C-alpha cells in the first residue's frame, strides 16, 4: 500500500513539474521579427542603362551559420571571433533570401529587368552572390554598426566575366536588435547600389575586369 501511495504522489509531482515547466515556456514572449523594411531611394545616376542585358539573380549563397533567421552580433571589444545572437529578435527570413529579394527589387527600381529562367541566354547576365557576413558589430557597450560583406560573380552563360568583393558598414542608431536591423538595411541598400554601379561601369567598358 505504501508503495502505491509513493508511486501515486511521484506521478503527481512529476505532472506538476511538467505543468509548471510548460507554463514557464508559454510565458516567454514571442520573438520580434524584422525585415529590411522599404528600400531607400536610389540616386538617378545609379540607374541602369536602357540597353542593359537582363540581369538574373541566379543564386545567393552564404555560410551555413547565416542560413537561418537568427540575428547575429559580435562584441569586438570582448572577442571578435565569437558570434552571438539575440534570443528574442529574429529575421523573418534568412539573410540570403532577404538580400536576394532586395537585390531583385533594386534592379527593377533602377529600370532594369530581372529574368527567372534557368536556361541562360546570350542577352542575360547571371549574378551569383556569396553573402559572407550580415551581422551587427559592437565596438563597445553603446556603439555598434551593421556590416554586410559579400562577393559577386557575373556570368555570361557559363563564362565568368567579372568578380568583385564588397563591404559596407553603417552605424546603428541604437545598440540593440532594432538598431542593428536598421543599420543592416541601409548597408544592404548601399552595397546593392555599389554592385549595380560596378556592373554598369564594366558594361560600358565592354571588357569587364576581374578583381
N, C-alpha and C. Protein backbone atom coordinates (compact mmCIF):
# COMPACT_ATOMS: atom_id res chain seq x y z
N UNK A 1 0.83 -1.21 0.00
CA UNK A 1 0.00 0.00 0.00
C UNK A 1 0.87 1.26 0.00
N UNK A 2 1.91 1.25 0.84
CA UNK A 2 2.80 2.41 0.89
C UNK A 2 3.46 2.64 -0.46
N UNK A 3 3.82 1.55 -1.11
CA UNK A 3 4.47 1.69 -2.42
C UNK A 3 3.52 2.32 -3.42
N UNK A 4 2.21 1.96 -3.34
CA UNK A 4 1.24 2.53 -4.26
C UNK A 4 1.09 4.03 -4.02
N UNK A 5 1.00 4.41 -2.73
CA UNK A 5 0.90 5.84 -2.41
C UNK A 5 2.15 6.59 -2.88
N UNK A 6 3.29 5.97 -2.66
CA UNK A 6 4.54 6.62 -3.08
C UNK A 6 4.58 6.81 -4.59
N UNK A 7 4.13 5.78 -5.32
CA UNK A 7 4.09 5.88 -6.79
C UNK A 7 3.09 6.94 -7.23
N UNK A 8 1.93 7.00 -6.54
CA UNK A 8 0.89 7.97 -6.88
C UNK A 8 1.38 9.41 -6.71
N UNK A 9 1.99 9.66 -5.54
CA UNK A 9 2.49 11.02 -5.28
C UNK A 9 3.67 11.37 -6.19
N UNK A 10 4.47 10.39 -6.57
CA UNK A 10 5.57 10.65 -7.50
C UNK A 10 5.04 11.08 -8.85
N UNK A 11 3.96 10.40 -9.28
CA UNK A 11 3.35 10.78 -10.56
C UNK A 11 2.76 12.18 -10.51
N UNK A 12 2.11 12.50 -9.35
CA UNK A 12 1.55 13.84 -9.21
C UNK A 12 2.65 14.90 -9.23
N UNK A 13 3.76 14.61 -8.55
CA UNK A 13 4.87 15.56 -8.52
C UNK A 13 5.46 15.76 -9.89
N UNK A 14 5.63 14.68 -10.64
CA UNK A 14 6.16 14.78 -12.00
C UNK A 14 5.24 15.58 -12.90
N UNK A 15 3.93 15.29 -12.79
CA UNK A 15 2.95 16.02 -13.62
C UNK A 15 2.96 17.50 -13.27
N UNK A 16 3.09 17.82 -11.97
CA UNK A 16 3.13 19.21 -11.56
C UNK A 16 4.33 19.93 -12.10
N UNK A 17 5.48 19.27 -12.09
CA UNK A 17 6.70 19.88 -12.62
C UNK A 17 6.59 20.15 -14.10
N UNK A 18 6.01 19.16 -14.82
CA UNK A 18 5.84 19.34 -16.27
C UNK A 18 4.88 20.48 -16.56
N UNK A 19 3.81 20.59 -15.75
CA UNK A 19 2.85 21.68 -15.95
C UNK A 19 3.49 23.04 -15.71
N UNK A 20 4.26 23.14 -14.64
CA UNK A 20 4.94 24.40 -14.34
C UNK A 20 5.95 24.73 -15.41
N UNK A 21 6.66 23.72 -15.90
CA UNK A 21 7.64 23.93 -16.96
C UNK A 21 6.98 24.43 -18.22
N UNK A 22 5.82 23.82 -18.56
CA UNK A 22 5.10 24.25 -19.75
C UNK A 22 4.59 25.66 -19.63
N UNK A 23 4.11 26.02 -18.43
CA UNK A 23 3.63 27.39 -18.21
C UNK A 23 4.77 28.39 -18.35
N UNK A 24 5.96 28.01 -17.83
CA UNK A 24 7.11 28.91 -17.92
C UNK A 24 7.51 29.12 -19.36
N UNK A 25 7.44 28.03 -20.15
CA UNK A 25 7.80 28.16 -21.56
C UNK A 25 6.79 29.02 -22.30
N UNK A 26 5.50 28.83 -21.99
CA UNK A 26 4.46 29.59 -22.68
C UNK A 26 4.47 31.05 -22.27
N UNK A 27 5.03 31.36 -21.08
CA UNK A 27 5.03 32.74 -20.62
C UNK A 27 6.13 33.56 -21.29
N UNK A 28 7.06 32.89 -21.99
CA UNK A 28 8.12 33.62 -22.67
C UNK A 28 7.55 34.38 -23.85
N UNK A 29 7.82 35.66 -23.98
CA UNK A 29 7.24 36.44 -25.07
C UNK A 29 7.76 35.95 -26.42
N UNK A 30 6.93 36.06 -27.47
CA UNK A 30 7.38 35.63 -28.81
C UNK A 30 8.48 36.54 -29.33
N UNK A 31 9.27 36.00 -30.23
CA UNK A 31 10.38 36.78 -30.79
C UNK A 31 9.84 37.91 -31.68
N UNK A 32 10.50 39.05 -31.63
CA UNK A 32 10.20 40.17 -32.52
C UNK A 32 10.84 39.90 -33.88
N UNK A 33 10.06 40.00 -34.95
CA UNK A 33 10.55 39.71 -36.29
C UNK A 33 10.92 40.99 -37.02
N UNK A 34 12.02 40.94 -37.76
CA UNK A 34 12.49 42.09 -38.53
C UNK A 34 12.71 41.68 -39.99
N UNK A 35 12.55 42.66 -40.88
CA UNK A 35 13.00 42.51 -42.26
C UNK A 35 13.78 43.76 -42.62
N UNK A 36 14.04 43.98 -43.90
CA UNK A 36 14.85 45.13 -44.31
C UNK A 36 14.03 46.40 -44.50
N UNK A 37 12.70 46.30 -44.35
CA UNK A 37 11.86 47.48 -44.49
C UNK A 37 11.82 47.98 -45.93
N UNK A 38 11.20 49.13 -46.15
CA UNK A 38 11.14 49.68 -47.51
C UNK A 38 12.51 50.12 -47.98
N UNK A 39 12.84 49.90 -49.26
CA UNK A 39 14.16 50.30 -49.76
C UNK A 39 14.31 51.81 -49.79
N UNK A 40 15.53 52.28 -49.54
CA UNK A 40 15.80 53.71 -49.64
C UNK A 40 15.84 54.10 -51.11
N UNK A 41 15.65 55.39 -51.40
CA UNK A 41 15.61 55.85 -52.79
C UNK A 41 16.98 55.72 -53.42
N UNK A 42 17.00 55.41 -54.72
CA UNK A 42 18.24 55.24 -55.46
C UNK A 42 18.52 56.49 -56.29
N UNK A 43 19.71 57.08 -56.18
CA UNK A 43 20.04 58.25 -56.99
C UNK A 43 19.92 57.97 -58.48
N UNK A 44 19.54 59.00 -59.24
CA UNK A 44 19.31 58.82 -60.68
C UNK A 44 20.57 58.36 -61.41
N UNK A 45 21.75 58.81 -60.93
CA UNK A 45 22.98 58.46 -61.64
C UNK A 45 23.33 56.97 -61.52
N UNK A 46 22.63 56.27 -60.61
CA UNK A 46 22.90 54.85 -60.45
C UNK A 46 21.87 54.00 -61.18
N UNK A 47 21.03 54.63 -62.02
CA UNK A 47 20.05 53.87 -62.78
C UNK A 47 20.75 53.06 -63.86
N UNK A 48 20.16 51.93 -64.22
CA UNK A 48 20.73 51.07 -65.25
C UNK A 48 20.41 51.63 -66.63
N UNK A 49 21.34 51.51 -67.60
CA UNK A 49 21.07 52.00 -68.96
C UNK A 49 19.98 51.17 -69.62
N UNK A 50 19.21 51.79 -70.53
CA UNK A 50 18.06 51.10 -71.15
C UNK A 50 18.46 49.88 -71.98
N UNK A 51 19.69 49.86 -72.50
CA UNK A 51 20.12 48.73 -73.33
C UNK A 51 20.85 47.66 -72.53
N UNK A 52 20.74 47.74 -71.21
CA UNK A 52 21.40 46.77 -70.34
C UNK A 52 20.78 45.39 -70.52
N UNK A 53 21.60 44.34 -70.63
CA UNK A 53 21.03 42.99 -70.71
C UNK A 53 20.22 42.65 -69.46
N UNK A 54 19.32 41.70 -69.62
CA UNK A 54 18.53 41.25 -68.47
C UNK A 54 19.45 40.66 -67.41
N UNK A 55 19.25 41.07 -66.17
CA UNK A 55 20.04 40.55 -65.06
C UNK A 55 19.26 39.44 -64.36
N UNK A 56 19.91 38.33 -64.15
CA UNK A 56 19.30 37.20 -63.48
C UNK A 56 20.00 36.99 -62.14
N UNK A 57 19.26 37.17 -61.05
CA UNK A 57 19.82 36.87 -59.73
C UNK A 57 19.78 35.35 -59.59
N UNK A 58 20.84 34.73 -60.06
CA UNK A 58 20.84 33.27 -60.22
C UNK A 58 20.90 32.55 -58.88
N UNK A 59 21.73 33.07 -57.98
CA UNK A 59 21.89 32.37 -56.70
C UNK A 59 22.50 33.31 -55.67
N UNK A 60 22.06 33.19 -54.43
CA UNK A 60 22.66 33.90 -53.30
C UNK A 60 23.07 32.84 -52.27
N UNK A 61 24.36 32.61 -52.18
CA UNK A 61 24.89 31.62 -51.24
C UNK A 61 25.31 32.31 -49.94
N UNK A 62 25.59 31.50 -48.93
CA UNK A 62 26.10 32.01 -47.66
C UNK A 62 26.71 30.87 -46.88
N UNK A 63 27.54 31.17 -45.87
CA UNK A 63 27.99 30.11 -44.96
C UNK A 63 26.79 29.50 -44.24
N UNK A 64 26.96 28.29 -43.75
CA UNK A 64 25.85 27.60 -43.08
C UNK A 64 25.28 28.41 -41.92
N UNK A 65 26.14 29.13 -41.19
CA UNK A 65 25.66 29.82 -40.00
C UNK A 65 24.74 30.99 -40.32
N UNK A 66 24.74 31.45 -41.58
CA UNK A 66 23.84 32.53 -41.99
C UNK A 66 22.55 32.00 -42.62
N UNK A 67 22.41 30.69 -42.70
CA UNK A 67 21.25 30.12 -43.37
C UNK A 67 20.04 29.93 -42.47
N UNK A 68 19.90 30.75 -41.45
CA UNK A 68 18.75 30.68 -40.56
C UNK A 68 18.28 32.10 -40.27
N UNK A 69 17.31 32.24 -39.39
CA UNK A 69 16.72 33.56 -39.13
C UNK A 69 17.30 34.26 -37.90
N UNK A 70 18.35 33.73 -37.32
CA UNK A 70 18.94 34.36 -36.14
C UNK A 70 19.58 35.70 -36.50
N UNK A 71 19.51 36.66 -35.58
CA UNK A 71 20.15 37.96 -35.75
C UNK A 71 21.46 37.92 -34.98
N UNK A 72 22.56 37.84 -35.71
CA UNK A 72 23.87 37.67 -35.09
C UNK A 72 24.54 39.01 -34.79
N UNK A 73 25.35 39.00 -33.73
CA UNK A 73 26.17 40.16 -33.41
C UNK A 73 27.49 39.69 -32.80
N UNK A 74 28.46 40.59 -32.81
CA UNK A 74 29.77 40.30 -32.22
C UNK A 74 30.16 41.45 -31.30
N UNK A 75 30.75 41.11 -30.19
CA UNK A 75 31.30 42.10 -29.26
C UNK A 75 32.79 42.21 -29.58
N UNK A 76 33.13 43.13 -30.46
CA UNK A 76 34.52 43.21 -30.91
C UNK A 76 35.47 43.63 -29.79
N UNK A 77 34.94 44.34 -28.80
CA UNK A 77 35.78 44.77 -27.68
C UNK A 77 35.97 43.66 -26.66
N UNK A 78 35.27 42.54 -26.85
CA UNK A 78 35.41 41.39 -25.96
C UNK A 78 36.10 40.24 -26.68
N UNK A 79 35.47 39.78 -27.76
CA UNK A 79 36.03 38.70 -28.56
C UNK A 79 35.39 38.74 -29.95
N UNK A 80 36.11 39.24 -30.93
CA UNK A 80 35.56 39.42 -32.27
C UNK A 80 35.28 38.08 -32.96
N UNK A 81 35.91 37.02 -32.50
CA UNK A 81 35.73 35.71 -33.14
C UNK A 81 34.51 34.96 -32.64
N UNK A 82 33.83 35.50 -31.65
CA UNK A 82 32.67 34.82 -31.09
C UNK A 82 31.38 35.42 -31.63
N UNK A 83 30.58 34.60 -32.26
CA UNK A 83 29.27 35.05 -32.75
C UNK A 83 28.23 34.82 -31.67
N UNK A 84 27.37 35.81 -31.48
CA UNK A 84 26.27 35.72 -30.52
C UNK A 84 24.98 36.05 -31.27
N UNK A 85 23.85 35.76 -30.66
CA UNK A 85 22.59 36.07 -31.31
C UNK A 85 21.57 36.54 -30.28
N UNK A 86 20.63 37.38 -30.75
CA UNK A 86 19.56 37.86 -29.90
C UNK A 86 18.55 36.73 -29.68
N UNK A 87 18.13 36.54 -28.45
CA UNK A 87 17.21 35.44 -28.14
C UNK A 87 15.76 35.80 -28.43
N UNK A 88 15.40 37.08 -28.38
CA UNK A 88 14.01 37.49 -28.58
C UNK A 88 13.82 38.33 -29.84
N UNK A 89 14.77 38.27 -30.76
CA UNK A 89 14.67 39.00 -32.02
C UNK A 89 15.19 38.12 -33.14
N UNK A 90 14.46 38.11 -34.25
CA UNK A 90 14.86 37.29 -35.40
C UNK A 90 14.51 37.99 -36.70
N UNK A 91 15.17 37.60 -37.79
CA UNK A 91 14.76 38.00 -39.13
C UNK A 91 13.54 37.17 -39.52
N UNK A 92 12.69 37.71 -40.38
CA UNK A 92 11.54 36.91 -40.80
C UNK A 92 11.89 35.94 -41.92
N UNK A 93 13.09 36.09 -42.50
CA UNK A 93 13.63 35.14 -43.47
C UNK A 93 15.15 35.10 -43.27
N UNK A 94 15.81 34.03 -43.67
CA UNK A 94 17.28 34.01 -43.60
C UNK A 94 17.87 35.16 -44.41
N UNK A 95 18.99 35.76 -43.97
CA UNK A 95 19.61 36.88 -44.67
C UNK A 95 19.84 36.67 -46.18
N UNK A 96 20.26 35.48 -46.65
CA UNK A 96 20.42 35.32 -48.10
C UNK A 96 19.13 35.59 -48.88
N UNK A 97 17.99 35.17 -48.33
CA UNK A 97 16.72 35.40 -49.01
C UNK A 97 16.32 36.87 -48.91
N UNK A 98 16.57 37.50 -47.76
CA UNK A 98 16.31 38.94 -47.63
C UNK A 98 17.11 39.72 -48.66
N UNK A 99 18.40 39.35 -48.80
CA UNK A 99 19.26 40.07 -49.73
C UNK A 99 18.83 39.81 -51.17
N UNK A 100 18.48 38.57 -51.49
CA UNK A 100 18.04 38.24 -52.85
C UNK A 100 16.82 39.05 -53.25
N UNK A 101 15.82 39.11 -52.38
CA UNK A 101 14.60 39.85 -52.70
C UNK A 101 14.87 41.34 -52.83
N UNK A 102 15.74 41.89 -51.97
CA UNK A 102 16.05 43.32 -52.05
C UNK A 102 16.83 43.63 -53.33
N UNK A 103 17.75 42.74 -53.72
CA UNK A 103 18.52 42.94 -54.95
C UNK A 103 17.61 42.95 -56.17
N UNK A 104 16.67 42.02 -56.23
CA UNK A 104 15.72 42.00 -57.35
C UNK A 104 14.90 43.28 -57.38
N UNK A 105 14.44 43.72 -56.23
CA UNK A 105 13.63 44.93 -56.15
C UNK A 105 14.41 46.15 -56.63
N UNK A 106 15.69 46.23 -56.24
CA UNK A 106 16.51 47.39 -56.62
C UNK A 106 16.82 47.37 -58.12
N UNK A 107 17.00 46.20 -58.69
CA UNK A 107 17.24 46.12 -60.14
C UNK A 107 16.04 46.68 -60.90
N UNK A 108 14.85 46.28 -60.49
CA UNK A 108 13.64 46.76 -61.16
C UNK A 108 13.46 48.26 -60.94
N UNK A 109 13.68 48.74 -59.71
CA UNK A 109 13.51 50.17 -59.44
C UNK A 109 14.55 51.01 -60.17
N UNK A 110 15.67 50.39 -60.56
CA UNK A 110 16.70 51.11 -61.32
C UNK A 110 16.44 51.07 -62.81
N UNK A 111 15.31 50.52 -63.22
CA UNK A 111 14.96 50.49 -64.64
C UNK A 111 15.43 49.24 -65.35
N UNK A 112 15.93 48.27 -64.62
CA UNK A 112 16.41 47.05 -65.24
C UNK A 112 15.34 45.97 -65.28
N UNK A 113 15.68 44.87 -65.88
CA UNK A 113 14.79 43.72 -65.96
C UNK A 113 15.46 42.54 -65.28
N UNK A 114 14.66 41.74 -64.61
CA UNK A 114 15.20 40.53 -63.99
C UNK A 114 14.61 39.33 -64.68
N UNK A 115 15.44 38.36 -64.98
CA UNK A 115 14.99 37.13 -65.62
C UNK A 115 14.82 36.04 -64.57
N UNK A 116 14.01 35.06 -64.90
CA UNK A 116 13.79 33.98 -63.97
C UNK A 116 14.05 32.61 -64.54
N UNK A 117 14.39 32.55 -65.83
CA UNK A 117 14.61 31.26 -66.47
C UNK A 117 15.91 30.62 -66.05
N UNK A 118 15.91 29.30 -66.01
CA UNK A 118 17.12 28.58 -65.64
C UNK A 118 18.07 28.42 -66.83
N UNK A 119 17.55 28.51 -68.04
CA UNK A 119 18.40 28.36 -69.22
C UNK A 119 18.99 29.71 -69.60
N UNK A 120 20.31 29.91 -69.45
CA UNK A 120 20.93 31.21 -69.75
C UNK A 120 20.89 31.52 -71.24
N UNK A 121 20.62 32.79 -71.56
CA UNK A 121 20.64 33.25 -72.94
C UNK A 121 21.75 34.27 -73.10
N UNK A 122 22.11 34.55 -74.34
CA UNK A 122 23.24 35.44 -74.60
C UNK A 122 22.98 36.84 -74.08
N UNK A 123 21.69 37.27 -74.05
CA UNK A 123 21.38 38.63 -73.62
C UNK A 123 21.16 38.72 -72.11
N UNK A 124 21.48 37.67 -71.40
CA UNK A 124 21.34 37.68 -69.96
C UNK A 124 22.70 37.70 -69.26
N UNK A 125 22.74 38.40 -68.14
CA UNK A 125 23.89 38.34 -67.25
C UNK A 125 23.42 37.73 -65.94
N UNK A 126 24.06 36.67 -65.52
CA UNK A 126 23.66 35.99 -64.30
C UNK A 126 24.53 36.47 -63.14
N UNK A 127 23.88 36.79 -62.05
CA UNK A 127 24.58 37.24 -60.84
C UNK A 127 24.58 36.12 -59.80
N UNK A 128 25.76 35.76 -59.36
CA UNK A 128 25.91 34.80 -58.27
C UNK A 128 26.53 35.54 -57.09
N UNK A 129 25.82 35.57 -55.99
CA UNK A 129 26.26 36.32 -54.81
C UNK A 129 26.62 35.34 -53.69
N UNK A 130 27.76 35.57 -53.07
CA UNK A 130 28.11 34.81 -51.87
C UNK A 130 28.14 35.79 -50.71
N UNK A 131 27.11 35.70 -49.86
CA UNK A 131 27.00 36.58 -48.70
C UNK A 131 27.92 36.07 -47.60
N UNK A 132 28.96 36.83 -47.29
CA UNK A 132 29.98 36.37 -46.34
C UNK A 132 29.71 36.81 -44.91
N UNK A 133 29.06 37.96 -44.75
CA UNK A 133 28.76 38.45 -43.40
C UNK A 133 27.53 39.33 -43.44
N UNK A 134 26.71 39.21 -42.42
CA UNK A 134 25.49 40.01 -42.30
C UNK A 134 25.20 40.11 -40.81
N UNK A 135 26.00 40.92 -40.12
CA UNK A 135 25.98 40.93 -38.66
C UNK A 135 26.10 42.34 -38.11
N UNK A 136 25.78 42.45 -36.84
CA UNK A 136 25.95 43.68 -36.09
C UNK A 136 27.23 43.57 -35.25
N UNK A 137 28.08 44.58 -35.33
CA UNK A 137 29.35 44.58 -34.60
C UNK A 137 29.32 45.67 -33.53
N UNK A 138 29.50 45.27 -32.28
CA UNK A 138 29.56 46.23 -31.19
C UNK A 138 31.01 46.64 -30.97
N UNK A 139 31.28 47.94 -31.12
CA UNK A 139 32.61 48.47 -30.89
C UNK A 139 32.86 48.66 -29.40
N UNK A 140 31.80 48.96 -28.66
CA UNK A 140 31.81 48.99 -27.20
C UNK A 140 30.37 48.77 -26.76
N UNK A 141 30.07 49.01 -25.48
CA UNK A 141 28.74 48.71 -24.99
C UNK A 141 27.63 49.55 -25.60
N UNK A 142 27.94 50.72 -26.11
CA UNK A 142 26.90 51.63 -26.60
C UNK A 142 27.03 52.01 -28.07
N UNK A 143 28.03 51.49 -28.76
CA UNK A 143 28.22 51.82 -30.18
C UNK A 143 28.35 50.55 -31.01
N UNK A 144 27.56 50.49 -32.08
CA UNK A 144 27.60 49.32 -32.95
C UNK A 144 27.37 49.73 -34.39
N UNK A 145 27.60 48.79 -35.30
CA UNK A 145 27.40 49.04 -36.72
C UNK A 145 26.94 47.76 -37.40
N UNK A 146 26.17 47.93 -38.47
CA UNK A 146 25.76 46.80 -39.29
C UNK A 146 26.77 46.60 -40.40
N UNK A 147 27.18 45.37 -40.62
CA UNK A 147 28.22 45.08 -41.60
C UNK A 147 27.73 44.04 -42.60
N UNK A 148 27.80 44.39 -43.89
CA UNK A 148 27.44 43.47 -44.96
C UNK A 148 28.67 43.26 -45.84
N UNK A 149 29.08 42.01 -45.97
CA UNK A 149 30.23 41.66 -46.81
C UNK A 149 29.81 40.54 -47.75
N UNK A 150 30.22 40.66 -49.00
CA UNK A 150 29.83 39.66 -49.98
C UNK A 150 30.76 39.68 -51.19
N UNK A 151 30.62 38.66 -52.01
CA UNK A 151 31.36 38.57 -53.27
C UNK A 151 30.35 38.33 -54.39
N UNK A 152 30.50 39.07 -55.48
CA UNK A 152 29.58 38.95 -56.61
C UNK A 152 30.34 38.44 -57.83
N UNK A 153 29.75 37.46 -58.49
CA UNK A 153 30.29 36.96 -59.75
C UNK A 153 29.25 37.21 -60.84
N UNK A 154 29.71 37.74 -61.99
CA UNK A 154 28.83 37.98 -63.13
C UNK A 154 29.18 36.95 -64.21
N UNK A 155 28.16 36.22 -64.65
CA UNK A 155 28.36 35.17 -65.64
C UNK A 155 27.58 35.48 -66.90
N UNK A 156 28.21 35.26 -68.04
CA UNK A 156 27.54 35.29 -69.34
C UNK A 156 27.49 33.84 -69.80
N UNK A 157 26.29 33.26 -69.75
CA UNK A 157 26.14 31.81 -69.86
C UNK A 157 26.94 31.18 -68.74
N UNK A 158 27.94 30.37 -69.05
CA UNK A 158 28.72 29.74 -68.00
C UNK A 158 30.10 30.38 -67.84
N UNK A 159 30.36 31.46 -68.57
CA UNK A 159 31.67 32.10 -68.54
C UNK A 159 31.68 33.23 -67.51
N UNK A 160 32.70 33.22 -66.65
CA UNK A 160 32.86 34.29 -65.67
C UNK A 160 33.43 35.52 -66.37
N UNK A 161 32.70 36.64 -66.28
CA UNK A 161 33.15 37.86 -66.94
C UNK A 161 33.56 38.94 -65.95
N UNK A 162 33.15 38.82 -64.69
CA UNK A 162 33.54 39.82 -63.70
C UNK A 162 33.30 39.26 -62.30
N UNK A 163 34.14 39.71 -61.38
CA UNK A 163 34.01 39.27 -60.00
C UNK A 163 34.60 40.32 -59.07
N UNK A 164 33.90 40.59 -57.97
CA UNK A 164 34.39 41.61 -57.06
C UNK A 164 33.81 41.39 -55.66
N UNK A 165 34.58 41.77 -54.64
CA UNK A 165 34.13 41.71 -53.25
C UNK A 165 33.67 43.09 -52.80
N UNK A 166 32.64 43.12 -51.97
CA UNK A 166 32.08 44.36 -51.46
C UNK A 166 31.94 44.28 -49.94
N UNK A 167 32.16 45.41 -49.29
CA UNK A 167 32.00 45.50 -47.85
C UNK A 167 31.48 46.89 -47.52
N UNK A 168 30.43 46.95 -46.72
CA UNK A 168 29.91 48.26 -46.31
C UNK A 168 29.38 48.16 -44.89
N UNK A 169 29.64 49.20 -44.11
CA UNK A 169 29.16 49.27 -42.73
C UNK A 169 28.37 50.55 -42.53
N UNK A 170 27.38 50.49 -41.66
CA UNK A 170 26.55 51.64 -41.31
C UNK A 170 26.39 51.66 -39.79
N UNK A 171 26.57 52.82 -39.19
CA UNK A 171 26.42 52.96 -37.75
C UNK A 171 24.97 52.72 -37.33
N UNK A 172 24.77 51.91 -36.31
CA UNK A 172 23.42 51.63 -35.81
C UNK A 172 22.93 52.79 -34.94
N UNK A 173 21.69 53.21 -35.09
CA UNK A 173 21.17 54.33 -34.29
C UNK A 173 21.02 53.98 -32.82
N UNK A 174 20.80 52.71 -32.51
CA UNK A 174 20.67 52.27 -31.11
C UNK A 174 21.44 50.96 -30.94
N UNK A 175 21.99 50.70 -29.74
CA UNK A 175 22.79 49.50 -29.51
C UNK A 175 21.93 48.28 -29.16
N UNK A 176 21.04 47.90 -30.07
CA UNK A 176 20.16 46.77 -29.81
C UNK A 176 19.77 46.14 -31.14
N UNK A 177 18.85 45.16 -31.10
CA UNK A 177 18.45 44.45 -32.31
C UNK A 177 17.78 45.38 -33.31
N UNK A 178 16.93 46.28 -32.82
CA UNK A 178 16.25 47.22 -33.70
C UNK A 178 17.24 48.11 -34.44
N UNK A 179 18.23 48.64 -33.71
CA UNK A 179 19.25 49.47 -34.34
C UNK A 179 20.08 48.68 -35.32
N UNK A 180 20.39 47.43 -34.97
CA UNK A 180 21.15 46.59 -35.89
C UNK A 180 20.39 46.31 -37.17
N UNK A 181 19.09 46.07 -37.06
CA UNK A 181 18.27 45.81 -38.25
C UNK A 181 18.24 47.03 -39.17
N UNK A 182 18.12 48.23 -38.58
CA UNK A 182 18.12 49.45 -39.39
C UNK A 182 19.46 49.65 -40.09
N UNK A 183 20.55 49.42 -39.36
CA UNK A 183 21.88 49.60 -39.94
C UNK A 183 22.13 48.60 -41.06
N UNK A 184 21.72 47.35 -40.87
CA UNK A 184 21.93 46.33 -41.89
C UNK A 184 21.06 46.58 -43.12
N UNK A 185 19.89 47.16 -42.93
CA UNK A 185 19.05 47.52 -44.07
C UNK A 185 19.72 48.58 -44.93
N UNK A 186 20.24 49.64 -44.28
CA UNK A 186 20.91 50.70 -45.02
C UNK A 186 22.20 50.19 -45.67
N UNK A 187 22.93 49.34 -44.96
CA UNK A 187 24.16 48.79 -45.53
C UNK A 187 23.86 47.92 -46.74
N UNK A 188 22.76 47.16 -46.68
CA UNK A 188 22.35 46.33 -47.81
C UNK A 188 22.03 47.18 -49.03
N UNK A 189 21.26 48.25 -48.83
CA UNK A 189 20.91 49.12 -49.95
C UNK A 189 22.14 49.77 -50.56
N UNK A 190 23.08 50.18 -49.72
CA UNK A 190 24.29 50.81 -50.24
C UNK A 190 25.16 49.81 -50.99
N UNK A 191 25.29 48.61 -50.48
CA UNK A 191 26.07 47.59 -51.18
C UNK A 191 25.44 47.27 -52.53
N UNK A 192 24.13 47.15 -52.58
CA UNK A 192 23.45 46.86 -53.85
C UNK A 192 23.66 48.00 -54.84
N UNK A 193 23.60 49.25 -54.35
CA UNK A 193 23.87 50.40 -55.23
C UNK A 193 25.28 50.32 -55.79
N UNK A 194 26.26 49.93 -54.96
CA UNK A 194 27.63 49.78 -55.43
C UNK A 194 27.75 48.67 -56.46
N UNK A 195 27.03 47.57 -56.24
CA UNK A 195 27.06 46.45 -57.19
C UNK A 195 26.52 46.87 -58.54
N UNK A 196 25.37 47.55 -58.56
CA UNK A 196 24.77 47.96 -59.82
C UNK A 196 25.64 48.98 -60.54
N UNK A 197 26.24 49.90 -59.78
CA UNK A 197 27.13 50.88 -60.40
C UNK A 197 28.34 50.19 -61.02
N UNK A 198 28.89 49.22 -60.33
CA UNK A 198 30.04 48.45 -60.84
C UNK A 198 29.67 47.69 -62.11
N UNK A 199 28.48 47.09 -62.13
CA UNK A 199 28.03 46.35 -63.32
C UNK A 199 27.89 47.30 -64.51
N UNK A 200 27.29 48.47 -64.27
CA UNK A 200 27.11 49.45 -65.34
C UNK A 200 28.45 49.93 -65.87
N UNK A 201 29.38 50.26 -64.97
CA UNK A 201 30.70 50.74 -65.40
C UNK A 201 31.41 49.70 -66.25
N UNK A 202 31.37 48.44 -65.85
CA UNK A 202 32.02 47.39 -66.62
C UNK A 202 31.28 47.11 -67.93
N UNK A 203 29.97 47.23 -67.91
CA UNK A 203 29.20 47.03 -69.13
C UNK A 203 29.51 48.10 -70.16
N UNK A 204 29.67 49.35 -69.69
CA UNK A 204 30.00 50.43 -70.62
C UNK A 204 31.40 50.26 -71.20
N UNK A 205 32.32 49.70 -70.39
CA UNK A 205 33.67 49.45 -70.89
C UNK A 205 33.68 48.37 -71.96
N UNK A 206 32.75 47.43 -71.81
CA UNK A 206 32.69 46.35 -72.77
C UNK A 206 33.67 45.24 -72.49
N UNK A 207 34.51 45.40 -71.49
CA UNK A 207 35.51 44.38 -71.14
C UNK A 207 35.60 44.31 -69.63
N UNK A 208 34.64 43.64 -68.98
CA UNK A 208 34.63 43.60 -67.51
C UNK A 208 35.94 43.07 -66.96
N UNK A 209 36.34 43.70 -65.89
CA UNK A 209 37.64 43.40 -65.29
C UNK A 209 37.45 42.50 -64.07
N UNK A 210 38.14 41.40 -64.02
CA UNK A 210 38.08 40.55 -62.85
C UNK A 210 38.91 41.17 -61.73
N UNK A 211 38.33 41.11 -60.52
CA UNK A 211 39.02 41.68 -59.36
C UNK A 211 39.03 40.66 -58.25
